[in-house]
């Protein structure tokens, strides 16, 4: 008889925390723009903003 097992993992520490990409995007954005509004917007974009900054930074 074939027996099927299912395993589940739950991460309790990362449920409501800001990810590293978002925190990095917020720090970069605020350093460049000195605007909290742009920092929040870029924090939502996270790694996309970090990659954009890395590609366009002079």
N, C-alpha and C. Protein backbone atom coordinates (compact mmCIF):
# COMPACT_ATOMS: atom_id res chain seq x y z
N UNK A 1 0.82 -1.17 0.00
CA UNK A 1 0.00 0.00 0.00
C UNK A 1 0.88 1.25 0.00
N UNK A 2 0.50 2.20 -0.81
CA UNK A 2 1.26 3.44 -0.93
C UNK A 2 0.81 4.44 0.15
N UNK A 3 1.77 4.98 0.83
CA UNK A 3 1.46 5.91 1.89
C UNK A 3 1.96 7.31 1.51
N UNK A 4 1.10 8.31 1.57
CA UNK A 4 1.46 9.67 1.20
C UNK A 4 1.61 10.49 2.47
N UNK A 5 2.72 11.22 2.55
CA UNK A 5 2.97 12.07 3.72
C UNK A 5 3.12 13.51 3.25
N UNK A 6 2.55 14.39 3.98
CA UNK A 6 2.65 15.81 3.69
C UNK A 6 3.36 16.49 4.85
N UNK A 7 4.31 17.33 4.51
CA UNK A 7 5.06 18.06 5.51
C UNK A 7 4.80 19.55 5.32
N UNK A 8 4.65 20.25 6.40
CA UNK A 8 4.46 21.69 6.28
C UNK A 8 5.44 22.40 7.21
N UNK A 9 5.88 23.56 6.77
CA UNK A 9 6.78 24.38 7.57
C UNK A 9 6.12 25.72 7.80
N UNK A 10 6.27 26.24 8.98
CA UNK A 10 5.71 27.54 9.29
C UNK A 10 6.83 28.43 9.80
N UNK A 11 6.92 29.59 9.22
CA UNK A 11 7.92 30.57 9.64
C UNK A 11 7.22 31.60 10.51
N UNK A 12 7.54 31.61 11.78
CA UNK A 12 6.84 32.51 12.69
C UNK A 12 7.51 33.88 12.79
N UNK A 13 8.79 33.99 12.48
CA UNK A 13 9.49 35.25 12.66
C UNK A 13 9.36 36.22 11.50
N UNK A 14 9.00 35.73 10.33
CA UNK A 14 8.97 36.60 9.16
C UNK A 14 7.57 36.96 8.71
N UNK A 15 6.59 36.72 9.53
CA UNK A 15 5.22 36.96 9.11
C UNK A 15 4.91 38.44 8.93
N UNK A 16 5.35 39.28 9.85
CA UNK A 16 5.02 40.69 9.79
C UNK A 16 6.25 41.59 9.76
N UNK A 17 7.36 41.08 9.35
CA UNK A 17 8.58 41.88 9.34
C UNK A 17 8.89 42.38 7.94
N UNK A 18 9.70 43.41 7.88
CA UNK A 18 10.14 43.95 6.60
C UNK A 18 11.31 43.11 6.12
N UNK A 19 11.27 42.74 4.86
CA UNK A 19 12.34 41.94 4.29
C UNK A 19 13.59 42.77 4.08
N UNK A 20 14.70 42.07 3.85
CA UNK A 20 15.97 42.74 3.68
C UNK A 20 15.96 43.63 2.44
N UNK A 21 15.33 43.16 1.36
CA UNK A 21 15.25 43.96 0.13
C UNK A 21 14.49 45.26 0.33
N UNK A 22 13.41 45.19 1.07
CA UNK A 22 12.63 46.40 1.35
C UNK A 22 13.40 47.37 2.23
N UNK A 23 14.06 46.86 3.25
CA UNK A 23 14.84 47.72 4.13
C UNK A 23 16.00 48.38 3.39
N UNK A 24 16.65 47.63 2.52
CA UNK A 24 17.74 48.17 1.73
C UNK A 24 17.22 49.24 0.76
N UNK A 25 16.08 48.97 0.13
CA UNK A 25 15.48 49.95 -0.79
C UNK A 25 15.11 51.23 -0.06
N UNK A 26 14.57 51.12 1.14
CA UNK A 26 14.20 52.30 1.92
C UNK A 26 15.44 53.11 2.27
N UNK A 27 16.49 52.44 2.69
CA UNK A 27 17.73 53.14 3.07
C UNK A 27 18.35 53.85 1.87
N UNK A 28 18.42 53.17 0.74
CA UNK A 28 18.99 53.78 -0.46
C UNK A 28 18.14 54.96 -0.92
N UNK A 29 16.83 54.76 -0.94
CA UNK A 29 15.94 55.81 -1.42
C UNK A 29 16.00 57.05 -0.54
N UNK A 30 15.98 56.85 0.77
CA UNK A 30 16.01 58.01 1.66
C UNK A 30 17.35 58.74 1.58
N UNK A 31 18.42 57.98 1.41
CA UNK A 31 19.74 58.61 1.27
C UNK A 31 19.82 59.46 0.01
N UNK A 32 19.23 58.99 -1.07
CA UNK A 32 19.29 59.73 -2.34
C UNK A 32 18.26 60.85 -2.43
N UNK A 33 17.03 60.61 -1.99
CA UNK A 33 15.94 61.55 -2.22
C UNK A 33 15.59 62.42 -1.00
N UNK A 34 15.96 62.00 0.18
CA UNK A 34 15.59 62.69 1.42
C UNK A 34 14.08 62.91 1.51
N UNK A 35 13.32 61.91 1.11
CA UNK A 35 11.87 61.97 1.11
C UNK A 35 11.31 60.68 1.71
N UNK A 36 10.48 60.82 2.72
CA UNK A 36 9.87 59.65 3.36
C UNK A 36 8.86 59.00 2.42
N UNK A 37 8.12 59.81 1.66
CA UNK A 37 7.13 59.27 0.73
C UNK A 37 7.80 58.36 -0.31
N UNK A 38 8.89 58.85 -0.93
CA UNK A 38 9.60 58.03 -1.91
C UNK A 38 10.22 56.81 -1.26
N UNK A 39 10.67 56.94 -0.03
CA UNK A 39 11.26 55.79 0.67
C UNK A 39 10.21 54.70 0.88
N UNK A 40 8.99 55.09 1.21
CA UNK A 40 7.91 54.12 1.40
C UNK A 40 7.56 53.44 0.08
N UNK A 41 7.43 54.24 -0.98
CA UNK A 41 7.11 53.68 -2.30
C UNK A 41 8.20 52.71 -2.75
N UNK A 42 9.45 53.13 -2.60
CA UNK A 42 10.55 52.27 -3.01
C UNK A 42 10.68 51.04 -2.11
N UNK A 43 10.29 51.18 -0.85
CA UNK A 43 10.29 50.03 0.05
C UNK A 43 9.29 48.98 -0.37
N UNK A 44 8.15 49.41 -0.91
CA UNK A 44 7.15 48.47 -1.42
C UNK A 44 7.70 47.73 -2.64
N UNK A 45 8.45 48.45 -3.48
CA UNK A 45 9.04 47.83 -4.67
C UNK A 45 10.18 46.88 -4.31
N UNK A 46 10.86 47.16 -3.20
CA UNK A 46 11.90 46.27 -2.69
C UNK A 46 13.06 46.03 -3.63
N UNK A 47 13.29 44.76 -3.97
CA UNK A 47 14.44 44.38 -4.78
C UNK A 47 14.41 44.99 -6.18
N UNK A 48 13.23 45.33 -6.70
CA UNK A 48 13.17 45.98 -8.01
C UNK A 48 13.85 47.35 -7.97
N UNK A 49 13.61 48.10 -6.89
CA UNK A 49 14.26 49.40 -6.76
C UNK A 49 15.77 49.23 -6.54
N UNK A 50 16.15 48.25 -5.76
CA UNK A 50 17.57 48.02 -5.50
C UNK A 50 18.30 47.69 -6.82
N UNK A 51 17.69 46.85 -7.63
CA UNK A 51 18.29 46.50 -8.93
C UNK A 51 18.33 47.72 -9.84
N UNK A 52 17.25 48.51 -9.85
CA UNK A 52 17.23 49.74 -10.67
C UNK A 52 18.33 50.68 -10.24
N UNK A 53 18.49 50.86 -8.94
CA UNK A 53 19.53 51.75 -8.43
C UNK A 53 20.92 51.23 -8.81
N UNK A 54 21.12 49.93 -8.70
CA UNK A 54 22.43 49.36 -9.03
C UNK A 54 22.76 49.52 -10.51
N UNK A 55 21.76 49.46 -11.35
CA UNK A 55 22.00 49.59 -12.79
C UNK A 55 22.15 51.03 -13.25
N UNK A 56 21.55 51.98 -12.53
CA UNK A 56 21.57 53.37 -12.98
C UNK A 56 22.45 54.28 -12.14
N UNK A 57 23.05 53.79 -11.08
CA UNK A 57 23.89 54.63 -10.21
C UNK A 57 25.16 55.01 -10.94
N UNK A 58 25.58 56.22 -10.72
CA UNK A 58 26.81 56.71 -11.37
C UNK A 58 27.95 56.72 -10.41
